[in-house]
Amino acid sequence: MNKRVGKRIINPARAWVPDRQDVIWIDCNPQAGREMRDVHPFLVLSPKAFNQRTSLVVGLPMTTAEYNASNPFAVAAGVASGRKSGATSYVLCHQPKSFDWRLRGGKPHPMRRLDDKPFAEVLLVLNQIVQLA
């Protein structure tokens, strides 16, 4: 049932908004070249207020492709579940992207949120690439 908040009507099914450090599903299609394609986990870097206001998320795609074990720009994020159960999940720090999470079917991933330690490592690796700080 919809809920009225001031002049706005809120649909509870649409009340979820991804937040920084969340892992979500996102459809990466269309893609080009070496970009990720299809539906993948995605680590959100942008804060919830930005994501809600713009419908965009800035973040990094994730994969279980084993060759990333030796990729200096990939950070091990933990063990995958579901059909990829037992495989290591990697955050690809060299592929920062922004997506319209609403139009691309963004929804919570079973991992929910990346732990603080691997998240800090992701930020360090990303900073080596983009040198923001």
Protein backbone atom coordinates (compact mmCIF):
# COMPACT_ATOMS: atom_id res chain seq x y z
CA MET A 1 0.00 0.00 0.00
CA ASN A 2 1.26 3.48 -0.85
CA LYS A 3 2.06 5.85 2.02
CA ARG A 4 1.62 9.63 1.93
CA VAL A 5 4.59 11.67 3.20
CA GLY A 6 3.75 15.37 2.99
CA LYS A 7 2.70 16.03 -0.64
CA ARG A 8 4.49 12.92 -1.93
CA ILE A 9 3.13 9.40 -2.18
CA ILE A 10 5.74 6.76 -1.38
CA ASN A 11 5.49 3.25 -2.76
CA PRO A 12 7.15 0.98 -0.11
CA ALA A 13 8.36 -1.37 -2.84
CA ARG A 14 10.40 1.55 -4.26
CA ALA A 15 11.55 2.82 -0.84
CA TRP A 16 14.89 0.94 -0.98
CA VAL A 17 17.83 3.05 -2.14
CA PRO A 18 21.38 1.71 -2.41
CA ASP A 19 24.00 3.23 -0.12
CA ARG A 20 27.79 3.52 -0.10
CA GLN A 21 29.44 0.14 0.54
CA ASP A 22 26.30 -1.79 -0.53
CA VAL A 23 26.58 -4.58 -3.08
CA ILE A 24 23.72 -4.56 -5.58
CA TRP A 25 22.75 -6.39 -8.75
CA ILE A 26 22.98 -4.19 -11.84
CA ASP A 27 22.44 -4.86 -15.55
CA CYS A 28 25.61 -3.68 -17.33
CA ASN A 29 24.15 -4.01 -20.85
CA PRO A 30 24.74 -2.49 -23.29
CA GLN A 31 28.51 -2.78 -23.11
CA ALA A 32 31.43 -2.18 -25.44
CA GLY A 33 34.95 -3.52 -25.68
CA ARG A 34 36.29 -5.00 -22.44
CA GLU A 35 33.50 -3.60 -20.27
CA MET A 36 31.42 -5.95 -18.11
CA ARG A 37 28.17 -7.15 -19.67
CA ASP A 38 25.00 -8.77 -18.37
CA VAL A 39 23.84 -8.67 -14.74
CA HIS A 40 26.65 -8.49 -12.16
CA PRO A 41 27.17 -7.55 -8.54
CA PHE A 42 28.21 -3.91 -8.24
CA LEU A 43 29.90 -2.21 -5.28
CA VAL A 44 28.33 1.19 -4.62
CA LEU A 45 30.75 4.03 -3.85
CA SER A 46 28.32 6.96 -3.94
CA PRO A 47 26.26 7.93 -0.86
CA LYS A 48 22.56 7.17 -0.50
CA ALA A 49 21.48 10.85 -0.74
CA PHE A 50 23.17 11.16 -4.16
CA ASN A 51 21.78 7.81 -5.35
CA GLN A 52 18.25 8.70 -4.31
CA ARG A 53 18.26 12.18 -5.80
CA THR A 54 19.89 11.33 -9.14
CA SER A 55 18.85 7.66 -9.65
CA LEU A 56 22.54 7.07 -10.41
CA VAL A 57 25.07 4.97 -8.53
CA VAL A 58 28.81 5.38 -8.92
CA GLY A 59 30.70 2.20 -8.22
CA LEU A 60 32.68 -0.80 -9.35
CA PRO A 61 31.58 -4.05 -10.99
CA MET A 62 32.32 -7.39 -9.36
CA THR A 63 33.09 -10.79 -10.84
CA THR A 64 34.14 -14.32 -9.90
CA ALA A 65 36.43 -14.74 -12.94
CA GLU A 66 39.45 -16.60 -11.54
CA TYR A 67 42.05 -14.77 -13.64
CA ASN A 68 41.46 -11.73 -11.42
CA ALA A 69 43.42 -13.44 -8.61
CA SER A 70 46.57 -12.02 -10.25
CA ASN A 71 45.01 -8.73 -11.37
CA PRO A 72 46.65 -5.89 -9.37
CA PHE A 73 43.49 -3.80 -9.78
CA ALA A 74 41.09 -6.44 -8.43
CA VAL A 75 40.35 -6.77 -4.70
CA ALA A 76 39.09 -10.03 -3.21
CA ALA A 77 35.74 -9.24 -1.61
CA GLY A 78 34.79 -12.59 -0.11
CA VAL A 79 33.21 -15.86 -1.18
CA ALA A 80 30.29 -15.87 -3.59
CA SER A 81 27.06 -17.72 -2.89
CA GLY A 82 24.33 -19.09 -5.13
CA ARG A 83 25.32 -20.67 -8.44
CA LYS A 84 28.91 -19.39 -8.04
CA SER A 85 29.09 -20.70 -4.46
CA GLY A 86 32.62 -21.07 -3.15
CA ALA A 87 34.26 -18.89 -5.82
CA THR A 88 36.10 -15.74 -4.75
CA SER A 89 34.32 -12.54 -5.66
CA TYR A 90 36.53 -9.68 -6.93
CA VAL A 91 35.88 -5.92 -7.10
CA LEU A 92 37.28 -4.51 -10.35
CA CYS A 93 38.80 -1.20 -9.27
CA HIS A 94 39.94 -0.34 -12.80
CA GLN A 95 36.36 -0.16 -14.15
CA PRO A 96 34.57 2.64 -12.24
CA LYS A 97 31.13 3.32 -13.68
CA SER A 98 27.89 5.13 -13.06
CA PHE A 99 24.55 3.53 -13.81
CA ASP A 100 20.92 4.54 -13.46
CA TRP A 101 20.16 1.92 -10.82
CA ARG A 102 16.39 2.30 -11.15
CA LEU A 103 16.27 1.82 -14.95
CA ARG A 104 18.87 -0.97 -14.84
CA GLY A 105 16.94 -3.01 -12.29
CA GLY A 106 19.23 -2.41 -9.31
CA LYS A 107 18.33 -4.53 -6.30
CA PRO A 108 20.10 -5.79 -3.17
CA HIS A 109 22.65 -8.57 -3.68
CA PRO A 110 22.75 -11.44 -1.15
CA MET A 111 26.19 -10.17 0.03
CA ARG A 112 24.33 -6.98 1.06
CA ARG A 113 27.36 -4.90 2.07
CA LEU A 114 31.12 -5.16 1.68
CA ASP A 115 33.00 -5.49 4.98
CA ASP A 116 35.05 -2.49 6.11
CA LYS A 117 38.50 -4.04 5.54
CA PRO A 118 38.03 -5.01 1.85
CA PHE A 119 36.15 -1.73 1.26
CA ALA A 120 39.15 0.23 2.56
CA GLU A 121 41.43 -1.82 0.28
CA VAL A 122 39.17 -1.05 -2.70
CA LEU A 123 39.43 2.66 -1.95
CA LEU A 124 43.24 2.45 -1.74
CA VAL A 125 43.52 0.63 -5.08
CA LEU A 126 41.02 2.98 -6.74
CA ASN A 127 42.97 5.98 -5.45
CA GLN A 128 46.15 4.58 -7.03
CA ILE A 129 44.32 4.73 -10.36
CA VAL A 130 42.44 8.04 -10.15
CA GLN A 131 44.65 9.78 -7.54
CA LEU A 132 41.91 11.79 -5.84
CA ALA A 133 43.66 12.05 -2.47
